C-alpha atoms as a PDB file:
ATOM      1  CA  UNK A   1    -172.076  16.606  35.678  1.00  0.00           C
ATOM      2  CA  UNK A   2    -170.804  13.460  34.495  1.00  0.00           C
ATOM      3  CA  UNK A   3    -173.417  12.834  31.898  1.00  0.00           C
ATOM      4  CA  UNK A   4    -172.586  16.565  30.622  1.00  0.00           C
ATOM      5  CA  UNK A   5    -168.952  15.566  30.353  1.00  0.00           C
ATOM      6  CA  UNK A   6    -169.804  12.362  28.534  1.00  0.00           C
ATOM      7  CA  UNK A   7    -171.819  14.164  25.976  1.00  0.00           C
ATOM      8  CA  UNK A   8    -169.236  16.848  25.644  1.00  0.00           C
ATOM      9  CA  UNK A   9    -166.362  14.363  24.943  1.00  0.00           C
ATOM     10  CA  UNK A  10    -168.542  12.425  22.659  1.00  0.00           C
ATOM     11  CA  UNK A  11    -169.509  15.464  20.609  1.00  0.00           C
ATOM     12  CA  UNK A  12    -165.995  16.419  20.108  1.00  0.00           C
ATOM     13  CA  UNK A  13    -164.859  12.985  18.935  1.00  0.00           C
ATOM     14  CA  UNK A  14    -167.978  12.795  16.571  1.00  0.00           C
ATOM     15  CA  UNK A  15    -166.671  16.126  14.906  1.00  0.00           C
ATOM     16  CA  UNK A  16    -164.161  13.649  13.009  1.00  0.00           C
ATOM     17  CA  UNK A  17    -165.511  10.123  13.605  1.00  0.00           C
ATOM     18  CA  UNK A  18    -169.001   9.604  14.389  1.00  0.00           C
ATOM     19  CA  UNK A  19    -168.886   5.897  14.844  1.00  0.00           C
ATOM     20  CA  UNK A  20    -165.735   6.194  17.153  1.00  0.00           C
ATOM     21  CA  UNK A  21    -167.853   8.480  19.338  1.00  0.00           C
ATOM     22  CA  UNK A  22    -170.693   5.921  19.504  1.00  0.00           C
ATOM     23  CA  UNK A  23    -168.027   3.059  20.389  1.00  0.00           C
ATOM     24  CA  UNK A  24    -166.451   5.358  23.046  1.00  0.00           C
ATOM     25  CA  UNK A  25    -169.831   6.045  24.762  1.00  0.00           C
ATOM     26  CA  UNK A  26    -170.604   2.286  24.810  1.00  0.00           C
ATOM     27  CA  UNK A  27    -167.195   1.601  26.166  1.00  0.00           C
ATOM     28  CA  UNK A  28    -167.591   4.141  29.027  1.00  0.00           C
ATOM     29  CA  UNK A  29    -171.135   2.653  29.622  1.00  0.00           C
ATOM     30  CA  UNK A  30    -169.830  -0.851  29.992  1.00  0.00           C
ATOM     31  CA  UNK A  31    -167.086   0.359  32.212  1.00  0.00           C
ATOM     32  CA  UNK A  32    -169.550   1.888  34.579  1.00  0.00           C
ATOM     33  CA  UNK A  33    -172.074  -1.021  34.488  1.00  0.00           C
ATOM     34  CA  UNK A  34    -169.294  -3.213  35.788  1.00  0.00           C
ATOM     35  CA  UNK A  35    -169.063  -1.200  38.841  1.00  0.00           C
ATOM     36  CA  UNK A  36    -172.451  -2.522  39.911  1.00  0.00           C
ATOM     37  CA  UNK A  37    -170.560  -5.918  40.601  1.00  0.00           C
ATOM     38  CA  UNK A  38    -167.085  -4.648  41.353  1.00  0.00           C
ATOM     39  CA  UNK A  39    -167.317  -1.135  43.051  1.00  0.00           C
ATOM     40  CA  UNK A  40    -163.827  -1.181  44.348  1.00  0.00           C
ATOM     41  CA  UNK A  41    -162.287  -2.261  41.067  1.00  0.00           C
ATOM     42  CA  UNK A  42    -160.969   1.223  40.390  1.00  0.00           C
ATOM     43  CA  UNK A  43    -158.203   2.805  42.296  1.00  0.00           C
ATOM     44  CA  UNK A  44    -158.367   5.778  44.717  1.00  0.00           C
ATOM     45  CA  UNK A  45    -157.803   8.892  42.994  1.00  0.00           C
ATOM     46  CA  UNK A  46    -154.356  10.218  43.880  1.00  0.00           C
ATOM     47  CA  UNK A  47    -155.291  14.123  43.941  1.00  0.00           C
ATOM     48  CA  UNK A  48    -158.358  13.513  46.306  1.00  0.00           C
ATOM     49  CA  UNK A  49    -156.859  10.701  48.566  1.00  0.00           C
ATOM     50  CA  UNK A  50    -160.247   9.487  49.905  1.00  0.00           C
ATOM     51  CA  UNK A  51    -161.076   5.799  50.196  1.00  0.00           C
ATOM     52  CA  UNK A  52    -164.539   6.532  48.732  1.00  0.00           C
ATOM     53  CA  UNK A  53    -163.316   8.427  45.820  1.00  0.00           C
ATOM     54  CA  UNK A  54    -162.109   6.070  43.035  1.00  0.00           C
ATOM     55  CA  UNK A  55    -161.374   5.868  39.343  1.00  0.00           C
ATOM     56  CA  UNK A  56    -161.540   3.733  36.428  1.00  0.00           C
ATOM     57  CA  UNK A  57    -159.072   4.421  33.433  1.00  0.00           C
ATOM     58  CA  UNK A  58    -160.495   3.875  30.093  1.00  0.00           C
ATOM     59  CA  UNK A  59    -158.080   4.700  27.286  1.00  0.00           C
ATOM     60  CA  UNK A  60    -157.267   8.525  27.901  1.00  0.00           C
ATOM     61  CA  UNK A  61    -160.170   8.950  30.185  1.00  0.00           C
ATOM     62  CA  UNK A  62    -160.626   8.974  33.835  1.00  0.00           C
ATOM     63  CA  UNK A  63    -164.334   7.785  35.173  1.00  0.00           C
ATOM     64  CA  UNK A  64    -164.278   9.347  38.760  1.00  0.00           C
ATOM     65  CA  UNK A  65    -166.810   7.870  40.976  1.00  0.00           C
ATOM     66  CA  UNK A  66    -167.897   7.680  44.928  1.00  0.00           C
ATOM     67  CA  UNK A  67    -168.645   4.508  46.463  1.00  0.00           C
ATOM     68  CA  UNK A  68    -171.504   4.742  48.809  1.00  0.00           C
ATOM     69  CA  UNK A  69    -173.105   1.836  51.061  1.00  0.00           C
ATOM     70  CA  UNK A  70    -175.744   1.053  48.590  1.00  0.00           C
ATOM     71  CA  UNK A  71    -174.764   2.808  45.227  1.00  0.00           C
ATOM     72  CA  UNK A  72    -172.266   4.274  43.051  1.00  0.00           C
ATOM     73  CA  UNK A  73    -172.301   7.876  42.030  1.00  0.00           C
ATOM     74  CA  UNK A  74    -170.265   8.970  39.022  1.00  0.00           C
ATOM     75  CA  UNK A  75    -168.838  12.337  39.568  1.00  0.00           C
ATOM     76  CA  UNK A  76    -166.995  13.216  36.425  1.00  0.00           C
ATOM     77  CA  UNK A  77    -165.235  12.045  33.342  1.00  0.00           C
ATOM     78  CA  UNK A  78    -161.782  13.801  32.587  1.00  0.00           C
ATOM     79  CA  UNK A  79    -159.309  13.276  29.936  1.00  0.00           C
ATOM     80  CA  UNK A  80    -156.149  12.108  31.537  1.00  0.00           C
ATOM     81  CA  UNK A  81    -154.184  15.289  30.399  1.00  0.00           C
ATOM     82  CA  UNK A  82    -156.605  17.498  32.196  1.00  0.00           C
ATOM     83  CA  UNK A  83    -155.750  18.386  35.756  1.00  0.00           C
ATOM     84  CA  UNK A  84    -158.281  17.240  38.441  1.00  0.00           C
ATOM     85  CA  UNK A  85    -159.051  19.572  41.411  1.00  0.00           C
ATOM     86  CA  UNK A  86    -161.467  18.940  44.222  1.00  0.00           C
ATOM     87  CA  UNK A  87    -163.914  21.371  42.870  1.00  0.00           C
ATOM     88  CA  UNK A  88    -164.180  18.976  39.711  1.00  0.00           C
ATOM     89  CA  UNK A  89    -165.495  16.160  42.220  1.00  0.00           C
ATOM     90  CA  UNK A  90    -167.427  17.968  44.810  1.00  0.00           C
END
């Protein structure tokens, strides 16, 4: 689901600014890569209120992820203006 959202947002940005879309994808990937070393660097998602469901804010976007014992799972990417419901995450 997260990869599809990444592509969806990148395609939308690319309609007007193709280079900005590439830069945005790179920024998002860099943020996700930092989670390997700092998995709890994001805050708990207020709408979900679970310790293992966290988010990073990058500009106008939320990277929602789950921390597990040996891995990080990216659940979705949302624009900050989009409401988030549990069905978007689970």
